[in-house]
Structure formats: C-alpha cells, structure tokens
C-alpha cells in the first residue's frame, strides 16, 4: 500500500510540474477544466447523485458555470482579465468559506441546513468554480507558474507539519465529529510549518515587502485546513471514505485537492489586494 501511494504521488507530481512549467497559459487552463470535470464527477457522488446520467449532468453544469465565469472575467483572447469581476468571484468565495467554517464547527447539527443532496450539489459549485477561476488567475500573473507552486507548497507544508506534530503531540481533537484524527496540536504544527515557509520565501525574494509572503501564507494555510475539513464532513455525512478510487493508494482527486479548493481563492485574493509579485 505504501509503495502504491508513493508511486502514485511521484507520477502525479511529475505530471503536475510538466503541465505547470511547460504548457502555455491556454493549455494550462484546459488542464484546469479537465481537473474540474473530474472533481465534479466525484462531487456529484458526494452530493448523492450516484447514477451515471446524474453525474454527467452535474459535470455539464459545473463546466458550463466555470466556462461562463472565465468568459465573464475576460480570461479569453489575449488572456486579459477584468480585475473587478475576478475580485467579485474571489470575495464571494471567501464569504462562502466563512459560512462553511460555521457548518463544520457545528456538525452534525448543521447538516439540517445542507444535508439535502441538491444543497450538497450547490456546495460543489461554490467549491469547484472559484477554485478553477483562482488557479487560472494566479497562473496568468508574472511568474504565475511559481506562484501556483507556492500555493501547493503552502498546502503541503501545512499538511506535513500537521501530520508530524499531530502524531507526536496530538491530544486535543480539532473537529472530532468531522475528522477524529485531526488535533489542535497538529493544527498549530501545520501553521508553524507554513510560517517557516513564508519566512524562507520572504528571505529569498528580499526587498522591503519581505513580510507580504507571511500575510499571504498564514490565511492560505488556515483556509487549507478548512477545505480538508469540509470534504471530510461531506464524506462522513454521505458514509464514504474516499471521493473515488481513481488514484491508486490515494482515493479520488478531491481527496488530493480538497485543501487547495479553499486555499487557492484565498491566496488569489490576497495576491490581488497586496499587488505582491515574486
């Protein structure tokens, strides 16, 4: 099992890096669309739409909305964009994640508000579409490929830091009704690891704005925890361990990118508001 997980992780990393650094922005955006399609297939089942025609219809809705958002924000053509439109989507996404935090905190009582499969389907739209928009927005920035890699590094550092600190010191449960394995000690360890990453990035980039990476990384790492917990909550309510079995040893795509779905919009909005560049 460990070997299978390792091989899959290495292959995923190689594919991701190749797509990120060798594909032009247009083809990278197509890759994001395909990823959103795959994630929508999995989320349809998480929502309770398990039949193939239902899942295909859900994919069509998600991709249509994503494509409409891309067109609305002006990402087509010469890859210009309407900053106000992008900001509106990102702000709305962050407001949604603030609501999601309240639902995660109050689970299982909160399930009365979102337990209906149609509402869980709506949650998927709020999760997947802004994530896709955020990834495309980050990628078209100067040094956009490195910025995307930075978001992934934040998520990974928070996850790894949480795993090892939770393993060593975990005693107090973070969200026992949602994810019994997560602890407050792991949470603080993950935040500490992400903070160290921010300080390293600030030291490397230098300049008077060395503190900006810290202001970007901390909210992004906090959001990544929420993204993970939200999917865990939906899976627990649905009675599923994994979103699918498409990735050997890792479950589904959503199981790999759940943290990124909250982290990417938060990072993109912080990037836009700060004007920071690598």
Protein backbone atom coordinates (compact mmCIF):
# COMPACT_ATOMS: atom_id res chain seq x y z
CA UNK A 1 0.00 0.00 0.00
CA UNK A 2 2.79 2.42 0.90
CA UNK A 3 4.63 1.61 -2.35
CA UNK A 4 1.44 2.17 -4.33
CA UNK A 5 0.87 5.54 -2.64
CA UNK A 6 4.46 6.58 -3.26
CA UNK A 7 4.44 5.64 -6.96
CA UNK A 8 1.13 7.46 -7.50
CA UNK A 9 2.39 10.55 -5.66
CA UNK A 10 5.58 10.70 -7.74
CA UNK A 11 3.68 10.31 -11.02
CA UNK A 12 1.16 12.98 -10.01
CA UNK A 13 3.96 15.37 -9.06
CA UNK A 14 5.78 14.84 -12.37
CA UNK A 15 2.62 15.36 -14.43
CA UNK A 16 1.69 18.46 -12.44
CA UNK A 17 5.14 20.04 -12.78
CA UNK A 18 5.27 19.28 -16.51
CA UNK A 19 1.84 20.85 -17.06
CA UNK A 20 2.65 23.83 -14.86
CA UNK A 21 6.00 24.80 -16.36
CA UNK A 22 5.82 23.55 -19.95
CA UNK A 23 2.27 24.27 -21.08
CA UNK A 24 1.30 27.78 -22.17
CA UNK A 25 -1.44 29.52 -20.20
CA UNK A 26 -4.18 28.46 -22.62
CA UNK A 27 -3.37 24.76 -22.38
CA UNK A 28 -2.87 25.05 -18.62
CA UNK A 29 -6.40 26.46 -18.41
CA UNK A 30 -7.63 23.46 -20.41
CA UNK A 31 -5.89 21.21 -17.90
CA UNK A 32 -7.73 23.03 -15.09
CA UNK A 33 -11.03 22.48 -16.91
CA UNK A 34 -10.30 18.75 -17.15
CA UNK A 35 -9.41 18.65 -13.45
CA UNK A 36 -12.65 20.46 -12.59
CA UNK A 37 -14.54 17.94 -14.74
CA UNK A 38 -13.01 15.03 -12.85
CA UNK A 39 -13.65 16.69 -9.49
CA UNK A 40 -17.27 17.41 -10.49
CA UNK A 41 -17.77 13.70 -11.31
CA UNK A 42 -16.63 12.84 -7.79
CA UNK A 43 -18.57 15.62 -6.08
CA UNK A 44 -21.79 14.53 -7.76
CA UNK A 45 -21.48 11.24 -5.90
CA UNK A 46 -20.60 13.05 -2.65
CA UNK A 47 -23.76 15.10 -3.11
CA UNK A 48 -25.86 11.97 -3.61
CA UNK A 49 -26.18 11.91 -7.41
CA UNK A 50 -24.71 8.47 -7.91
CA UNK A 51 -26.24 7.40 -11.23
CA UNK A 52 -24.11 7.96 -14.34
CA UNK A 53 -26.60 10.27 -16.15
CA UNK A 54 -26.91 12.38 -12.99
CA UNK A 55 -23.16 12.67 -12.61
CA UNK A 56 -22.73 13.59 -16.29
CA UNK A 57 -25.42 16.26 -15.94
CA UNK A 58 -23.69 17.64 -12.85
CA UNK A 59 -20.39 17.78 -14.74
CA UNK A 60 -22.10 19.71 -17.51
CA UNK A 61 -23.50 22.27 -15.03
CA UNK A 62 -20.14 22.77 -13.30
CA UNK A 63 -18.16 23.14 -16.52
CA UNK A 64 -20.77 25.49 -18.01
CA UNK A 65 -20.59 27.71 -14.94
CA UNK A 66 -16.79 27.59 -14.93
CA UNK A 67 -16.63 28.45 -18.62
CA UNK A 68 -19.11 31.28 -18.08
CA UNK A 69 -17.01 32.62 -15.20
CA UNK A 70 -13.88 32.52 -17.35
CA UNK A 71 -15.68 34.39 -20.14
CA UNK A 72 -17.27 36.87 -17.72
CA UNK A 73 -13.92 37.73 -16.19
CA UNK A 74 -12.32 38.28 -19.59
CA UNK A 75 -9.75 35.49 -19.50
CA UNK A 76 -10.33 34.63 -23.16
CA UNK A 77 -8.45 36.01 -26.16
CA UNK A 78 -5.15 37.62 -25.19
CA UNK A 79 -5.53 36.48 -21.56
CA UNK A 80 -6.50 39.88 -20.27
CA UNK A 81 -8.96 39.98 -17.41
CA UNK A 82 -11.47 42.21 -15.66
CA UNK A 83 -9.96 42.63 -12.19
CA UNK A 84 -13.24 43.79 -10.64
CA UNK A 85 -15.05 40.70 -11.92
CA UNK A 86 -12.31 38.37 -10.66
CA UNK A 87 -12.29 40.15 -7.30
CA UNK A 88 -16.06 39.73 -7.03
CA UNK A 89 -15.80 35.97 -7.53
CA UNK A 90 -12.93 35.62 -5.08
CA UNK A 91 -14.62 37.74 -2.39
CA UNK A 92 -17.84 35.75 -2.79
CA UNK A 93 -15.80 32.55 -2.47
CA UNK A 94 -14.15 33.73 0.76
CA UNK A 95 -17.56 34.66 2.20
CA UNK A 96 -18.77 31.18 1.30
CA UNK A 97 -15.82 29.59 3.10
CA UNK A 98 -16.59 31.67 6.20
CA UNK A 99 -20.08 30.14 6.16
CA UNK A 100 -18.57 26.70 5.60
CA UNK A 101 -16.46 27.18 8.74
CA UNK A 102 -19.61 27.67 10.81
CA UNK A 103 -21.14 24.50 9.33
CA UNK A 104 -18.02 22.45 10.01
CA UNK A 105 -17.86 23.73 13.59
CA UNK A 106 -21.48 22.84 14.29
CA UNK A 107 -21.61 19.45 12.54
CA UNK A 108 -23.67 17.21 12.79
CA UNK A 109 -26.35 19.74 13.81
CA UNK A 110 -25.57 21.89 10.76
CA UNK A 111 -26.50 19.02 8.42
CA UNK A 112 -30.12 20.10 8.68
CA UNK A 113 -29.11 23.15 6.61
CA UNK A 114 -27.15 21.40 3.86
CA UNK A 115 -27.93 17.68 4.11
CA UNK A 116 -30.27 17.70 1.11
CA UNK A 117 -28.45 16.38 -1.96
CA UNK A 118 -29.42 19.42 -4.03
CA UNK A 119 -27.81 21.70 -1.48
CA UNK A 120 -24.72 19.49 -1.38
CA UNK A 121 -24.62 19.80 -5.14
CA UNK A 122 -24.76 23.60 -4.75
CA UNK A 123 -21.86 23.40 -2.30
CA UNK A 124 -19.86 21.64 -5.01
CA UNK A 125 -20.46 24.57 -7.37
CA UNK A 126 -19.27 27.00 -4.71
CA UNK A 127 -16.17 24.89 -4.11
CA UNK A 128 -15.09 23.98 -7.64
CA UNK A 129 -15.85 27.00 -9.83
CA UNK A 130 -13.99 29.65 -7.76
CA UNK A 131 -11.06 27.25 -7.38
CA UNK A 132 -10.74 26.98 -11.14
CA UNK A 133 -11.01 30.76 -11.59
CA UNK A 134 -8.40 31.33 -8.86
CA UNK A 135 -5.94 28.89 -10.43
CA UNK A 136 -6.24 30.49 -13.86
CA UNK A 137 -5.90 33.98 -12.36
CA UNK A 138 -2.75 33.03 -10.43
CA UNK A 139 -1.23 31.32 -13.48
CA UNK A 140 -1.55 34.34 -15.76
CA UNK A 141 0.39 36.55 -13.33
CA UNK A 142 4.08 37.28 -13.95
CA UNK A 143 5.92 34.21 -12.62
CA UNK A 144 2.48 32.60 -12.36
CA UNK A 145 3.80 29.04 -12.53
CA UNK A 146 5.96 29.68 -9.47
CA UNK A 147 3.01 31.29 -7.67
CA UNK A 148 0.89 28.19 -8.31
CA UNK A 149 3.76 26.11 -6.96
CA UNK A 150 3.86 28.39 -3.93
CA UNK A 151 0.18 27.71 -3.17
CA UNK A 152 0.77 23.97 -3.44
CA UNK A 153 3.85 24.27 -1.21
CA UNK A 154 1.78 26.12 1.43
CA UNK A 155 -0.84 23.36 1.42
CA UNK A 156 1.77 20.60 1.55
CA UNK A 157 3.80 22.26 4.32
CA UNK A 158 0.69 22.78 6.44
CA UNK A 159 -0.39 19.19 5.84
CA UNK A 160 3.02 17.67 6.58
CA UNK A 161 3.56 19.87 9.63
CA UNK A 162 0.12 18.93 10.96
CA UNK A 163 0.73 15.22 10.38
CA UNK A 164 4.02 15.00 12.24
CA UNK A 165 3.13 17.35 15.09
CA UNK A 166 -0.23 15.66 15.49
CA UNK A 167 1.45 12.27 15.50
CA UNK A 168 3.94 13.36 18.16
CA UNK A 169 1.83 15.61 20.38
CA UNK A 170 -1.82 15.27 19.34
CA UNK A 171 -4.16 15.08 22.34
CA UNK A 172 -6.90 17.65 21.85
CA UNK A 173 -9.29 16.97 18.96
CA UNK A 174 -9.75 19.74 16.40
CA UNK A 175 -13.10 18.62 14.94
CA UNK A 176 -13.95 15.19 16.41
CA UNK A 177 -17.34 14.91 14.72
CA UNK A 178 -15.84 15.65 11.30
CA UNK A 179 -12.29 14.24 11.33
CA UNK A 180 -11.37 12.44 14.59
CA UNK A 181 -7.72 12.09 13.56
CA UNK A 182 -7.03 15.83 13.48
CA UNK A 183 -5.82 17.60 16.61
CA UNK A 184 -5.17 21.17 17.72
CA UNK A 185 -1.53 20.25 18.19
CA UNK A 186 -1.43 19.18 14.55
CA UNK A 187 -3.17 22.39 13.53
CA UNK A 188 -0.55 24.55 15.24
CA UNK A 189 2.25 22.40 13.88
CA UNK A 190 0.92 22.86 10.36
CA UNK A 191 0.59 26.61 10.84
CA UNK A 192 4.14 26.72 12.17
CA UNK A 193 5.48 24.84 9.15
CA UNK A 194 3.67 27.19 6.78
CA UNK A 195 5.03 30.20 8.69
CA UNK A 196 8.57 28.92 8.29
CA UNK A 197 7.91 28.53 4.56
CA UNK A 198 6.69 32.13 4.39
CA UNK A 199 9.80 33.42 6.13
CA UNK A 200 12.01 31.46 3.73
CA UNK A 201 10.13 32.88 0.72
CA UNK A 202 10.41 36.39 2.18
CA UNK A 203 14.16 35.95 2.68
CA UNK A 204 14.64 34.65 -0.88
CA UNK A 205 12.56 37.35 -2.58
CA UNK A 206 14.02 40.06 -0.33
CA UNK A 207 13.10 43.70 -0.66
CA UNK A 208 11.05 45.97 1.59
CA UNK A 209 7.99 43.71 1.23
CA UNK A 210 9.59 40.67 2.87
CA UNK A 211 6.58 40.49 5.23
CA UNK A 212 3.97 40.14 2.45
CA UNK A 213 4.55 36.39 1.95
CA UNK A 214 3.77 35.96 5.64
CA UNK A 215 0.50 37.86 5.22
CA UNK A 216 -0.36 35.65 2.22
CA UNK A 217 0.75 32.30 3.60
CA UNK A 218 -0.94 32.34 7.02
CA UNK A 219 -4.54 32.90 5.77
CA UNK A 220 -3.92 30.46 2.92
CA UNK A 221 -2.69 27.74 5.27
CA UNK A 222 -5.67 28.30 7.59
CA UNK A 223 -8.04 28.05 4.63
CA UNK A 224 -6.38 24.80 3.50
CA UNK A 225 -7.40 23.17 6.80
CA UNK A 226 -11.00 24.27 6.24
CA UNK A 227 -11.03 22.83 2.72
CA UNK A 228 -9.90 19.48 4.07
CA UNK A 229 -12.48 19.53 6.87
CA UNK A 230 -15.36 20.47 4.56
CA UNK A 231 -14.79 17.49 2.27
CA UNK A 232 -14.36 15.23 5.32
CA UNK A 233 -17.70 16.48 6.62
CA UNK A 234 -19.48 15.79 3.33
CA UNK A 235 -17.91 12.32 3.06
CA UNK A 236 -18.85 11.48 6.66
CA UNK A 237 -22.43 12.57 6.05
CA UNK A 238 -22.53 10.52 2.86
CA UNK A 239 -20.90 7.49 4.53
CA UNK A 240 -17.90 7.42 2.17
CA UNK A 241 -14.22 7.01 2.97
CA UNK A 242 -12.88 8.38 -0.35
CA UNK A 243 -14.33 10.56 -3.07
CA UNK A 244 -13.46 7.84 -5.61
CA UNK A 245 -10.78 5.23 -6.29
CA UNK A 246 -9.25 6.77 -9.40
CA UNK A 247 -5.81 7.34 -7.81
CA UNK A 248 -4.27 4.10 -6.50
CA UNK A 249 -3.49 4.43 -2.82
CA UNK A 250 -4.88 7.97 -2.62
CA UNK A 251 -8.60 7.67 -3.27
CA UNK A 252 -10.01 10.33 -5.55
CA UNK A 253 -8.90 13.65 -6.99
CA UNK A 254 -10.99 15.55 -4.43
CA UNK A 255 -9.13 13.73 -1.67
CA UNK A 256 -5.90 15.23 -3.02
CA UNK A 257 -7.10 18.77 -3.78
CA UNK A 258 -9.66 19.37 -1.02
CA UNK A 259 -7.29 21.70 0.85
CA UNK A 260 -6.47 23.56 -2.37
CA UNK A 261 -10.15 24.34 -3.06
CA UNK A 262 -10.18 26.77 -0.15
CA UNK A 263 -6.52 27.81 -0.26
CA UNK A 264 -6.41 28.89 -3.93
CA UNK A 265 -9.20 31.54 -3.79
CA UNK A 266 -7.83 32.97 -0.51
CA UNK A 267 -4.30 33.15 -1.94
CA UNK A 268 -5.52 34.66 -5.22
CA UNK A 269 -7.50 37.36 -3.41
CA UNK A 270 -4.52 38.16 -1.16
CA UNK A 271 -2.29 38.35 -4.21
CA UNK A 272 -4.68 40.73 -5.93
CA UNK A 273 -5.16 43.01 -2.92
CA UNK A 274 -1.47 43.15 -1.99
CA UNK A 275 -0.13 43.50 -5.53
CA UNK A 276 2.82 41.33 -4.44
CA UNK A 277 4.91 39.63 -7.12
CA UNK A 278 7.75 37.15 -6.98
